[in-house]
PDB file of all heavy atoms in Angstrom:
ATOM      1  N   PHE A   1      -1.019  -3.904 -10.966  1.00  0.00           N
ATOM      2  CA  PHE A   1      -0.135  -3.596 -12.082  1.00  0.00           C
ATOM      3  C   PHE A   1       0.239  -2.122 -12.118  1.00  0.00           C
ATOM      4  O   PHE A   1       1.353  -1.762 -12.518  1.00  0.00           O
ATOM      5  CB  PHE A   1      -0.803  -4.007 -13.395  1.00  0.00           C
ATOM      6  CG  PHE A   1       0.046  -3.768 -14.608  1.00  0.00           C
ATOM      7  CD1 PHE A   1       1.102  -4.601 -14.918  1.00  0.00           C
ATOM      8  CD2 PHE A   1      -0.207  -2.689 -15.444  1.00  0.00           C
ATOM      9  CE1 PHE A   1       1.896  -4.370 -16.030  1.00  0.00           C
ATOM     10  CE2 PHE A   1       0.577  -2.452 -16.560  1.00  0.00           C
ATOM     11  CZ  PHE A   1       1.632  -3.297 -16.858  1.00  0.00           C
ATOM     12  N   ASN A   2      -0.677  -1.246 -11.682  1.00  0.00           N
ATOM     13  CA  ASN A   2      -0.386   0.182 -11.702  1.00  0.00           C
ATOM     14  C   ASN A   2       0.699   0.562 -10.695  1.00  0.00           C
ATOM     15  O   ASN A   2       1.349   1.602 -10.851  1.00  0.00           O
ATOM     16  CB  ASN A   2      -1.658   0.978 -11.427  1.00  0.00           C
ATOM     17  CG  ASN A   2      -2.660   0.871 -12.561  1.00  0.00           C
ATOM     18  OD1 ASN A   2      -2.286   0.634 -13.707  1.00  0.00           O
ATOM     19  ND2 ASN A   2      -3.936   1.026 -12.254  1.00  0.00           N
ATOM     20  N   SER A   3       0.897  -0.261  -9.658  1.00  0.00           N
ATOM     21  CA  SER A   3       2.006  -0.007  -8.733  1.00  0.00           C
ATOM     22  C   SER A   3       3.342  -0.182  -9.434  1.00  0.00           C
ATOM     23  O   SER A   3       4.321   0.503  -9.104  1.00  0.00           O
ATOM     24  CB  SER A   3       1.916  -0.946  -7.525  1.00  0.00           C
ATOM     25  OG  SER A   3       0.827  -0.625  -6.696  1.00  0.00           O
ATOM     26  N   LEU A   4       3.399  -1.100 -10.397  1.00  0.00           N
ATOM     27  CA  LEU A   4       4.623  -1.263 -11.182  1.00  0.00           C
ATOM     28  C   LEU A   4       4.893  -0.023 -12.026  1.00  0.00           C
ATOM     29  O   LEU A   4       6.039   0.434 -12.137  1.00  0.00           O
ATOM     30  CB  LEU A   4       4.510  -2.498 -12.079  1.00  0.00           C
ATOM     31  CG  LEU A   4       4.212  -3.831 -11.393  1.00  0.00           C
ATOM     32  CD1 LEU A   4       4.211  -4.963 -12.419  1.00  0.00           C
ATOM     33  CD2 LEU A   4       5.197  -4.116 -10.290  1.00  0.00           C
ATOM     34  N   LEU A   5       3.828   0.528 -12.635  1.00  0.00           N
ATOM     35  CA  LEU A   5       3.999   1.765 -13.407  1.00  0.00           C
ATOM     36  C   LEU A   5       4.457   2.898 -12.516  1.00  0.00           C
ATOM     37  O   LEU A   5       5.277   3.739 -12.918  1.00  0.00           O
ATOM     38  CB  LEU A   5       2.677   2.131 -14.086  1.00  0.00           C
ATOM     39  CG  LEU A   5       2.063   1.089 -15.027  1.00  0.00           C
ATOM     40  CD1 LEU A   5       0.771   1.632 -15.646  1.00  0.00           C
ATOM     41  CD2 LEU A   5       3.042   0.699 -16.122  1.00  0.00           C
ATOM     42  N   LEU A   6       3.937   2.948 -11.290  1.00  0.00           N
ATOM     43  CA  LEU A   6       4.332   3.989 -10.343  1.00  0.00           C
ATOM     44  C   LEU A   6       5.818   3.894 -10.027  1.00  0.00           C
ATOM     45  O   LEU A   6       6.533   4.910 -10.015  1.00  0.00           O
ATOM     46  CB  LEU A   6       3.496   3.853  -9.069  1.00  0.00           C
ATOM     47  CG  LEU A   6       3.631   4.976  -8.042  1.00  0.00           C
ATOM     48  CD1 LEU A   6       2.820   6.183  -8.480  1.00  0.00           C
ATOM     49  CD2 LEU A   6       3.149   4.502  -6.676  1.00  0.00           C
ATOM     50  N   LEU A   7       6.302   2.672  -9.779  1.00  0.00           N
ATOM     51  CA  LEU A   7       7.720   2.483  -9.486  1.00  0.00           C
ATOM     52  C   LEU A   7       8.585   2.915 -10.661  1.00  0.00           C
ATOM     53  O   LEU A   7       9.601   3.611 -10.478  1.00  0.00           O
ATOM     54  CB  LEU A   7       7.975   1.016  -9.146  1.00  0.00           C
ATOM     55  CG  LEU A   7       9.437   0.596  -9.000  1.00  0.00           C
ATOM     56  CD1 LEU A   7      10.075   1.290  -7.808  1.00  0.00           C
ATOM     57  CD2 LEU A   7       9.555  -0.918  -8.863  1.00  0.00           C
ATOM     58  N   LEU A   8       8.197   2.524 -11.870  1.00  0.00           N
ATOM     59  CA  LEU A   8       8.997   2.870 -13.044  1.00  0.00           C
ATOM     60  C   LEU A   8       9.001   4.372 -13.292  1.00  0.00           C
ATOM     61  O   LEU A   8      10.041   4.945 -13.645  1.00  0.00           O
ATOM     62  CB  LEU A   8       8.472   2.126 -14.269  1.00  0.00           C
ATOM     63  CG  LEU A   8       8.535   0.597 -14.215  1.00  0.00           C
ATOM     64  CD1 LEU A   8       8.087   0.012 -15.540  1.00  0.00           C
ATOM     65  CD2 LEU A   8       9.935   0.127 -13.871  1.00  0.00           C
ATOM     66  N   ALA A   9       7.851   5.018 -13.120  1.00  0.00           N
ATOM     67  CA  ALA A   9       7.799   6.472 -13.306  1.00  0.00           C
ATOM     68  C   ALA A   9       8.687   7.175 -12.286  1.00  0.00           C
ATOM     69  O   ALA A   9       9.354   8.174 -12.609  1.00  0.00           O
ATOM     70  CB  ALA A   9       6.358   6.961 -13.191  1.00  0.00           C
ATOM     71  N   ALA A  10       8.717   6.653 -11.055  1.00  0.00           N
ATOM     72  CA  ALA A  10       9.580   7.247 -10.037  1.00  0.00           C
ATOM     73  C   ALA A  10      11.041   7.151 -10.439  1.00  0.00           C
ATOM     74  O   ALA A  10      11.815   8.100 -10.259  1.00  0.00           O
ATOM     75  CB  ALA A  10       9.344   6.560  -8.689  1.00  0.00           C
ATOM     76  N   VAL A  11      11.446   6.017 -11.000  1.00  0.00           N
ATOM     77  CA  VAL A  11      12.841   5.837 -11.388  1.00  0.00           C
ATOM     78  C   VAL A  11      13.179   6.674 -12.617  1.00  0.00           C
ATOM     79  O   VAL A  11      14.238   7.315 -12.681  1.00  0.00           O
ATOM     80  CB  VAL A  11      13.125   4.348 -11.654  1.00  0.00           C
ATOM     81  CG1 VAL A  11      14.512   4.158 -12.248  1.00  0.00           C
ATOM     82  CG2 VAL A  11      12.984   3.551 -10.363  1.00  0.00           C
ATOM     83  N   VAL A  12      12.282   6.700 -13.598  1.00  0.00           N
ATOM     84  CA  VAL A  12      12.562   7.440 -14.829  1.00  0.00           C
ATOM     85  C   VAL A  12      12.686   8.931 -14.556  1.00  0.00           C
ATOM     86  O   VAL A  12      13.608   9.597 -15.050  1.00  0.00           O
ATOM     87  CB  VAL A  12      11.471   7.158 -15.880  1.00  0.00           C
ATOM     88  CG1 VAL A  12      11.596   8.119 -17.057  1.00  0.00           C
ATOM     89  CG2 VAL A  12      11.561   5.723 -16.372  1.00  0.00           C
ATOM     90  N   PHE A  13      11.786   9.473 -13.759  1.00  0.00           N
ATOM     91  CA  PHE A  13      11.782  10.925 -13.547  1.00  0.00           C
ATOM     92  C   PHE A  13      12.559  11.355 -12.315  1.00  0.00           C
ATOM     93  O   PHE A  13      12.809  12.551 -12.145  1.00  0.00           O
ATOM     94  CB  PHE A  13      10.337  11.428 -13.465  1.00  0.00           C
ATOM     95  CG  PHE A  13       9.598  11.326 -14.762  1.00  0.00           C
ATOM     96  CD1 PHE A  13       8.774  10.255 -15.030  1.00  0.00           C
ATOM     97  CD2 PHE A  13       9.759  12.295 -15.737  1.00  0.00           C
ATOM     98  CE1 PHE A  13       8.104  10.146 -16.234  1.00  0.00           C
ATOM     99  CE2 PHE A  13       9.096  12.203 -16.946  1.00  0.00           C
ATOM    100  CZ  PHE A  13       8.268  11.122 -17.200  1.00  0.00           C
ATOM    101  N   GLY A  14      12.926  10.425 -11.470  1.00  0.00           N
ATOM    102  CA  GLY A  14      13.765  10.774 -10.330  1.00  0.00           C
ATOM    103  C   GLY A  14      13.140  10.367  -9.014  1.00  0.00           C
ATOM    104  O   GLY A  14      12.217  11.043  -8.544  1.00  0.00           O
ATOM    105  N   ALA A  15      13.663   9.277  -8.423  1.00  0.00           N
ATOM    106  CA  ALA A  15      13.128   8.792  -7.152  1.00  0.00           C
ATOM    107  C   ALA A  15      13.789   9.464  -5.965  1.00  0.00           C
ATOM    108  O   ALA A  15      13.497   9.120  -4.823  1.00  0.00           O
ATOM    109  CB  ALA A  15      13.314   7.277  -7.054  1.00  0.00           C
ATOM    110  N   THR A  16      14.667  10.436  -6.207  1.00  0.00           N
ATOM    111  CA  THR A  16      15.382  11.083  -5.108  1.00  0.00           C
ATOM    112  C   THR A  16      15.066  12.566  -4.998  1.00  0.00           C
ATOM    113  O   THR A  16      15.761  13.281  -4.281  1.00  0.00           O
ATOM    114  CB  THR A  16      16.901  10.904  -5.295  1.00  0.00           C
ATOM    115  OG1 THR A  16      17.288  11.480  -6.552  1.00  0.00           O
ATOM    116  CG2 THR A  16      17.284   9.439  -5.276  1.00  0.00           C
ATOM    117  N   SER A  17      14.040  13.044  -5.671  1.00  0.00           N
ATOM    118  CA  SER A  17      13.750  14.476  -5.635  1.00  0.00           C
ATOM    119  C   SER A  17      12.251  14.715  -5.706  1.00  0.00           C
ATOM    120  O   SER A  17      11.504  13.917  -6.282  1.00  0.00           O
ATOM    121  CB  SER A  17      14.443  15.205  -6.797  1.00  0.00           C
ATOM    122  OG  SER A  17      13.925  14.784  -8.038  1.00  0.00           O
ATOM    123  N   VAL A  18      11.830  15.829  -5.132  1.00  0.00           N
ATOM    124  CA  VAL A  18      10.424  16.233  -5.189  1.00  0.00           C
ATOM    125  C   VAL A  18      10.049  16.611  -6.619  1.00  0.00           C
ATOM    126  O   VAL A  18       8.923  16.359  -7.063  1.00  0.00           O
ATOM    127  CB  VAL A  18      10.174  17.397  -4.219  1.00  0.00           C
ATOM    128  CG1 VAL A  18       8.751  17.916  -4.343  1.00  0.00           C
ATOM    129  CG2 VAL A  18      10.439  16.953  -2.784  1.00  0.00           C
ATOM    130  N   THR A  19      10.995  17.194  -7.347  1.00  0.00           N
ATOM    131  CA  THR A  19      10.743  17.530  -8.747  1.00  0.00           C
ATOM    132  C   THR A  19      10.433  16.280  -9.557  1.00  0.00           C
ATOM    133  O   THR A  19       9.531  16.269 -10.402  1.00  0.00           O
ATOM    134  CB  THR A  19      11.955  18.253  -9.347  1.00  0.00           C
ATOM    135  OG1 THR A  19      12.233  19.426  -8.582  1.00  0.00           O
ATOM    136  CG2 THR A  19      11.694  18.651 -10.788  1.00  0.00           C
ATOM    137  N   GLY A  20      11.176  15.201  -9.308  1.00  0.00           N
ATOM    138  CA  GLY A  20      10.909  13.951  -9.996  1.00  0.00           C
ATOM    139  C   GLY A  20       9.528  13.411  -9.683  1.00  0.00           C
ATOM    140  O   GLY A  20       8.853  12.855 -10.558  1.00  0.00           O
ATOM    141  N   ALA A  21       9.075  13.576  -8.423  1.00  0.00           N
ATOM    142  CA  ALA A  21       7.727  13.123  -8.060  1.00  0.00           C
ATOM    143  C   ALA A  21       6.666  13.905  -8.826  1.00  0.00           C
ATOM    144  O   ALA A  21       5.674  13.329  -9.301  1.00  0.00           O
ATOM    145  CB  ALA A  21       7.519  13.287  -6.553  1.00  0.00           C
ATOM    146  N   LEU A  22       6.847  15.215  -8.958  1.00  0.00           N
ATOM    147  CA  LEU A  22       5.879  16.030  -9.697  1.00  0.00           C
ATOM    148  C   LEU A  22       5.852  15.652 -11.177  1.00  0.00           C
ATOM    149  O   LEU A  22       4.773  15.492 -11.771  1.00  0.00           O
ATOM    150  CB  LEU A  22       6.216  17.507  -9.532  1.00  0.00           C
ATOM    151  CG  LEU A  22       5.289  18.498 -10.238  1.00  0.00           C
ATOM    152  CD1 LEU A  22       3.853  18.333  -9.760  1.00  0.00           C
ATOM    153  CD2 LEU A  22       5.767  19.932 -10.028  1.00  0.00           C
ATOM    154  N   LEU A  23       7.027  15.489 -11.774  1.00  0.00           N
ATOM    155  CA  LEU A  23       7.083  15.104 -13.186  1.00  0.00           C
ATOM    156  C   LEU A  23       6.479  13.717 -13.394  1.00  0.00           C
ATOM    157  O   LEU A  23       5.762  13.477 -14.376  1.00  0.00           O
ATOM    158  CB  LEU A  23       8.533  15.126 -13.675  1.00  0.00           C
ATOM    159  CG  LEU A  23       9.221  16.495 -13.711  1.00  0.00           C
ATOM    160  CD1 LEU A  23      10.676  16.339 -14.128  1.00  0.00           C
ATOM    161  CD2 LEU A  23       8.494  17.438 -14.659  1.00  0.00           C
ATOM    162  N   GLY A  24       6.757  12.788 -12.474  1.00  0.00           N
ATOM    163  CA  GLY A  24       6.184  11.456 -12.576  1.00  0.00           C
ATOM    164  C   GLY A  24       4.676  11.465 -12.444  1.00  0.00           C
ATOM    165  O   GLY A  24       3.972  10.716 -13.135  1.00  0.00           O
ATOM    166  N   GLY A  25       4.150  12.313 -11.548  1.00  0.00           N
ATOM    167  CA  GLY A  25       2.708  12.433 -11.413  1.00  0.00           C
ATOM    168  C   GLY A  25       2.056  12.940 -12.684  1.00  0.00           C
ATOM    169  O   GLY A  25       0.997  12.439 -13.100  1.00  0.00           O
ATOM    170  N   LEU A  26       2.677  13.914 -13.312  1.00  0.00           N
ATOM    171  CA  LEU A  26       2.153  14.429 -14.576  1.00  0.00           C
ATOM    172  C   LEU A  26       2.172  13.350 -15.658  1.00  0.00           C
ATOM    173  O   LEU A  26       1.227  13.216 -16.448  1.00  0.00           O
ATOM    174  CB  LEU A  26       2.971  15.640 -15.027  1.00  0.00           C
ATOM    175  CG  LEU A  26       2.799  16.915 -14.193  1.00  0.00           C
ATOM    176  CD1 LEU A  26       3.835  17.958 -14.595  1.00  0.00           C
ATOM    177  CD2 LEU A  26       1.392  17.481 -14.372  1.00  0.00           C
ATOM    178  N   PHE A  27       3.242  12.556 -15.689  1.00  0.00           N
ATOM    179  CA  PHE A  27       3.323  11.497 -16.704  1.00  0.00           C
ATOM    180  C   PHE A  27       2.257  10.442 -16.480  1.00  0.00           C
ATOM    181  O   PHE A  27       1.592   9.995 -17.434  1.00  0.00           O
ATOM    182  CB  PHE A  27       4.714  10.869 -16.672  1.00  0.00           C
ATOM    183  CG  PHE A  27       4.862   9.716 -17.618  1.00  0.00           C
ATOM    184  CD1 PHE A  27       5.153   9.934 -18.952  1.00  0.00           C
ATOM    185  CD2 PHE A  27       4.699   8.409 -17.181  1.00  0.00           C
ATOM    186  CE1 PHE A  27       5.285   8.871 -19.841  1.00  0.00           C
ATOM    187  CE2 PHE A  27       4.824   7.343 -18.052  1.00  0.00           C
ATOM    188  CZ  PHE A  27       5.123   7.578 -19.387  1.00  0.00           C
ATOM    189  N   LEU A  28       2.078  10.004 -15.233  1.00  0.00           N
ATOM    190  CA  LEU A  28       1.080   8.971 -14.957  1.00  0.00           C
ATOM    191  C   LEU A  28      -0.331   9.472 -15.240  1.00  0.00           C
ATOM    192  O   LEU A  28      -1.208   8.687 -15.616  1.00  0.00           O
ATOM    193  CB  LEU A  28       1.196   8.518 -13.497  1.00  0.00           C
ATOM    194  CG  LEU A  28       2.431   7.681 -13.159  1.00  0.00           C
ATOM    195  CD1 LEU A  28       2.477   7.386 -11.670  1.00  0.00           C
ATOM    196  CD2 LEU A  28       2.443   6.387 -13.955  1.00  0.00           C
ATOM    197  N   MET A  29      -0.562  10.756 -15.039  1.00  0.00           N
ATOM    198  CA  MET A  29      -1.864  11.319 -15.393  1.00  0.00           C
ATOM    199  C   MET A  29      -2.073  11.279 -16.901  1.00  0.00           C
ATOM    200  O   MET A  29      -3.151  10.920 -17.384  1.00  0.00           O
ATOM    201  CB  MET A  29      -1.957  12.763 -14.883  1.00  0.00           C
ATOM    202  CG  MET A  29      -3.205  13.525 -15.318  1.00  0.00           C
ATOM    203  SD  MET A  29      -3.075  14.342 -16.954  1.00  0.00           S
ATOM    204  CE  MET A  29      -1.781  15.533 -16.637  1.00  0.00           C
ATOM    205  N   TYR A  30      -1.027  11.621 -17.651  1.00  0.00           N
ATOM    206  CA  TYR A  30      -1.175  11.730 -19.104  1.00  0.00           C
ATOM    207  C   TYR A  30      -1.140  10.375 -19.794  1.00  0.00           C
ATOM    208  O   TYR A  30      -1.639  10.240 -20.919  1.00  0.00           O
ATOM    209  CB  TYR A  30      -0.058  12.609 -19.676  1.00  0.00           C
ATOM    210  CG  TYR A  30      -0.201  12.863 -21.159  1.00  0.00           C
ATOM    211  CD1 TYR A  30      -1.228  13.666 -21.658  1.00  0.00           C
ATOM    212  CD2 TYR A  30       0.679  12.280 -22.062  1.00  0.00           C
ATOM    213  CE1 TYR A  30      -1.368  13.881 -23.017  1.00  0.00           C
ATOM    214  CE2 TYR A  30       0.551  12.496 -23.426  1.00  0.00           C
ATOM    215  CZ  TYR A  30      -0.480  13.300 -23.896  1.00  0.00           C
ATOM    216  OH  TYR A  30      -0.610  13.508 -25.235  1.00  0.00           O
ATOM    217  N   LEU A  31      -0.594   9.348 -19.140  1.00  0.00           N
ATOM    218  CA  LEU A  31      -0.449   8.039 -19.775  1.00  0.00           C
ATOM    219  C   LEU A  31      -1.785   7.469 -20.261  1.00  0.00           C
ATOM    220  O   LEU A  31      -1.911   7.124 -21.451  1.00  0.00           O
ATOM    221  CB  LEU A  31       0.233   7.074 -18.805  1.00  0.00           C
ATOM    222  CG  LEU A  31       0.496   5.657 -19.322  1.00  0.00           C
ATOM    223  CD1 LEU A  31       1.445   5.689 -20.514  1.00  0.00           C
ATOM    224  CD2 LEU A  31       1.074   4.785 -18.212  1.00  0.00           C
ATOM    225  N   PRO A  32      -2.824   7.345 -19.416  1.00  0.00           N
ATOM    226  CA  PRO A  32      -4.103   6.825 -19.943  1.00  0.00           C
ATOM    227  C   PRO A  32      -4.771   7.769 -20.932  1.00  0.00           C
ATOM    228  O   PRO A  32      -5.499   7.323 -21.823  1.00  0.00           O
ATOM    229  CB  PRO A  32      -4.956   6.630 -18.686  1.00  0.00           C
ATOM    230  CG  PRO A  32      -4.369   7.544 -17.675  1.00  0.00           C
ATOM    231  CD  PRO A  32      -2.912   7.603 -17.965  1.00  0.00           C
ATOM    232  N   VAL A  33      -4.527   9.088 -20.777  1.00  0.00           N
ATOM    233  CA  VAL A  33      -5.096  10.046 -21.725  1.00  0.00           C
ATOM    234  C   VAL A  33      -4.504   9.820 -23.118  1.00  0.00           C
ATOM    235  O   VAL A  33      -5.227   9.781 -24.124  1.00  0.00           O
ATOM    236  CB  VAL A  33      -4.841  11.491 -21.248  1.00  0.00           C
ATOM    237  CG1 VAL A  33      -5.339  12.496 -22.294  1.00  0.00           C
ATOM    238  CG2 VAL A  33      -5.526  11.738 -19.912  1.00  0.00           C
ATOM    239  N   ALA A  34      -3.173   9.658 -23.173  1.00  0.00           N
ATOM    240  CA  ALA A  34      -2.520   9.422 -24.463  1.00  0.00           C
ATOM    241  C   ALA A  34      -2.967   8.099 -25.069  1.00  0.00           C
ATOM    242  O   ALA A  34      -3.194   8.000 -26.287  1.00  0.00           O
ATOM    243  CB  ALA A  34      -1.004   9.432 -24.280  1.00  0.00           C
ATOM    244  N   GLN A  35      -3.125   7.068 -24.243  1.00  0.00           N
ATOM    245  CA  GLN A  35      -3.558   5.777 -24.767  1.00  0.00           C
ATOM    246  C   GLN A  35      -5.000   5.825 -25.272  1.00  0.00           C
ATOM    247  O   GLN A  35      -5.352   5.138 -26.218  1.00  0.00           O
ATOM    248  CB  GLN A  35      -3.413   4.713 -23.678  1.00  0.00           C
ATOM    249  CG  GLN A  35      -1.962   4.396 -23.339  1.00  0.00           C
ATOM    250  CD  GLN A  35      -1.852   3.393 -22.214  1.00  0.00           C
ATOM    251  OE1 GLN A  35      -2.636   3.392 -21.269  1.00  0.00           O
ATOM    252  NE2 GLN A  35      -0.865   2.517 -22.305  1.00  0.00           N
ATOM    253  N   SER A  36      -5.825   6.648 -24.621  1.00  0.00           N
ATOM    254  CA  SER A  36      -7.214   6.771 -25.060  1.00  0.00           C
ATOM    255  C   SER A  36      -7.335   7.613 -26.327  1.00  0.00           C
ATOM    256  O   SER A  36      -8.102   7.270 -27.231  1.00  0.00           O
ATOM    257  CB  SER A  36      -8.056   7.392 -23.938  1.00  0.00           C
ATOM    258  OG  SER A  36      -9.379   7.600 -24.356  1.00  0.00           O
ATOM    259  N   ASP A  37      -6.565   8.706 -26.396  1.00  0.00           N
ATOM    260  CA  ASP A  37      -6.641   9.583 -27.561  1.00  0.00           C
ATOM    261  C   ASP A  37      -5.965   8.984 -28.791  1.00  0.00           C
ATOM    262  O   ASP A  37      -6.345   9.291 -29.925  1.00  0.00           O
ATOM    263  CB  ASP A  37      -6.009  10.942 -27.237  1.00  0.00           C
ATOM    264  CG  ASP A  37      -6.811  11.721 -26.213  1.00  0.00           C
ATOM    265  OD1 ASP A  37      -7.990  11.369 -25.988  1.00  0.00           O
ATOM    266  OD2 ASP A  37      -6.254  12.675 -25.617  1.00  0.00           O
ATOM    267  N   HIS A  38      -4.949   8.149 -28.568  1.00  0.00           N
ATOM    268  CA  HIS A  38      -4.200   7.559 -29.685  1.00  0.00           C
ATOM    269  C   HIS A  38      -4.106   6.043 -29.477  1.00  0.00           C
ATOM    270  O   HIS A  38      -3.033   5.514 -29.144  1.00  0.00           O
ATOM    271  CB  HIS A  38      -2.801   8.175 -29.777  1.00  0.00           C
ATOM    272  CG  HIS A  38      -2.801   9.674 -29.799  1.00  0.00           C
ATOM    273  ND1 HIS A  38      -3.143  10.398 -30.921  1.00  0.00           N
ATOM    274  CD2 HIS A  38      -2.531  10.587 -28.832  1.00  0.00           C
ATOM    275  CE1 HIS A  38      -3.061  11.696 -30.646  1.00  0.00           C
ATOM    276  NE2 HIS A  38      -2.702  11.833 -29.392  1.00  0.00           N
ATOM    277  N   PRO A  39      -5.194   5.324 -29.639  1.00  0.00           N
ATOM    278  CA  PRO A  39      -5.175   3.875 -29.371  1.00  0.00           C
ATOM    279  C   PRO A  39      -4.217   3.098 -30.262  1.00  0.00           C
ATOM    280  O   PRO A  39      -3.781   2.013 -29.895  1.00  0.00           O
ATOM    281  CB  PRO A  39      -6.633   3.455 -29.616  1.00  0.00           C
ATOM    282  CG  PRO A  39      -7.213   4.522 -30.492  1.00  0.00           C
ATOM    283  CD  PRO A  39      -6.516   5.789 -30.105  1.00  0.00           C
ATOM    284  N   ALA A  40      -3.879   3.654 -31.412  1.00  0.00           N
ATOM    285  CA  ALA A  40      -2.983   2.930 -32.322  1.00  0.00           C
ATOM    286  C   ALA A  40      -1.580   2.795 -31.749  1.00  0.00           C
ATOM    287  O   ALA A  40      -0.836   1.883 -32.121  1.00  0.00           O
ATOM    288  CB  ALA A  40      -2.930   3.639 -33.674  1.00  0.00           C
ATOM    289  N   ILE A  41      -1.197   3.703 -30.863  1.00  0.00           N
ATOM    290  CA  ILE A  41       0.147   3.642 -30.277  1.00  0.00           C
ATOM    291  C   ILE A  41       0.064   3.472 -28.761  1.00  0.00           C
ATOM    292  O   ILE A  41       0.986   3.864 -28.038  1.00  0.00           O
ATOM    293  CB  ILE A  41       0.955   4.912 -30.620  1.00  0.00           C
ATOM    294  CG1 ILE A  41       0.246   6.166 -30.099  1.00  0.00           C
ATOM    295  CG2 ILE A  41       1.197   5.001 -32.118  1.00  0.00           C
ATOM    296  CD1 ILE A  41       1.102   7.422 -30.201  1.00  0.00           C
ATOM    297  N   ALA A  42      -1.019   2.882 -28.273  1.00  0.00           N
ATOM    298  CA  ALA A  42      -1.178   2.723 -26.828  1.00  0.00           C
ATOM    299  C   ALA A  42      -0.061   1.875 -26.238  1.00  0.00           C
ATOM    300  O   ALA A  42       0.449   2.160 -25.153  1.00  0.00           O
ATOM    301  CB  ALA A  42      -2.545   2.101 -26.525  1.00  0.00           C
ATOM    302  N   GLY A  43       0.332   0.825 -26.958  1.00  0.00           N
ATOM    303  CA  GLY A  43       1.397  -0.025 -26.444  1.00  0.00           C
ATOM    304  C   GLY A  43       2.738   0.670 -26.369  1.00  0.00           C
ATOM    305  O   GLY A  43       3.568   0.353 -25.509  1.00  0.00           O
ATOM    306  N   LEU A  44       2.969   1.645 -27.265  1.00  0.00           N
ATOM    307  CA  LEU A  44       4.252   2.347 -27.256  1.00  0.00           C
ATOM    308  C   LEU A  44       4.460   3.134 -25.970  1.00  0.00           C
ATOM    309  O   LEU A  44       5.612   3.360 -25.562  1.00  0.00           O
ATOM    310  CB  LEU A  44       4.338   3.284 -28.461  1.00  0.00           C
ATOM    311  CG  LEU A  44       4.560   2.625 -29.826  1.00  0.00           C
ATOM    312  CD1 LEU A  44       4.631   3.685 -30.914  1.00  0.00           C
ATOM    313  CD2 LEU A  44       5.833   1.786 -29.818  1.00  0.00           C
ATOM    314  N   CYS A  45       3.381   3.568 -25.321  1.00  0.00           N
ATOM    315  CA  CYS A  45       3.523   4.291 -24.055  1.00  0.00           C
ATOM    316  C   CYS A  45       4.160   3.398 -23.000  1.00  0.00           C
ATOM    317  O   CYS A  45       5.056   3.822 -22.258  1.00  0.00           O
ATOM    318  CB  CYS A  45       2.159   4.788 -23.583  1.00  0.00           C
ATOM    319  SG  CYS A  45       1.355   5.961 -24.703  1.00  0.00           S
TER     320      CYS A  45
END
């Protein structure tokens, strides 16, 4: 399932640039952190 998140992050932040890869990596890192720190809005992520 996490491969699906990886694909979506690549498209949202840019699958055609190195900058998009860096931004997507930061988002995927922060995604479980945000869900853990704010469980009430975990689904919104």
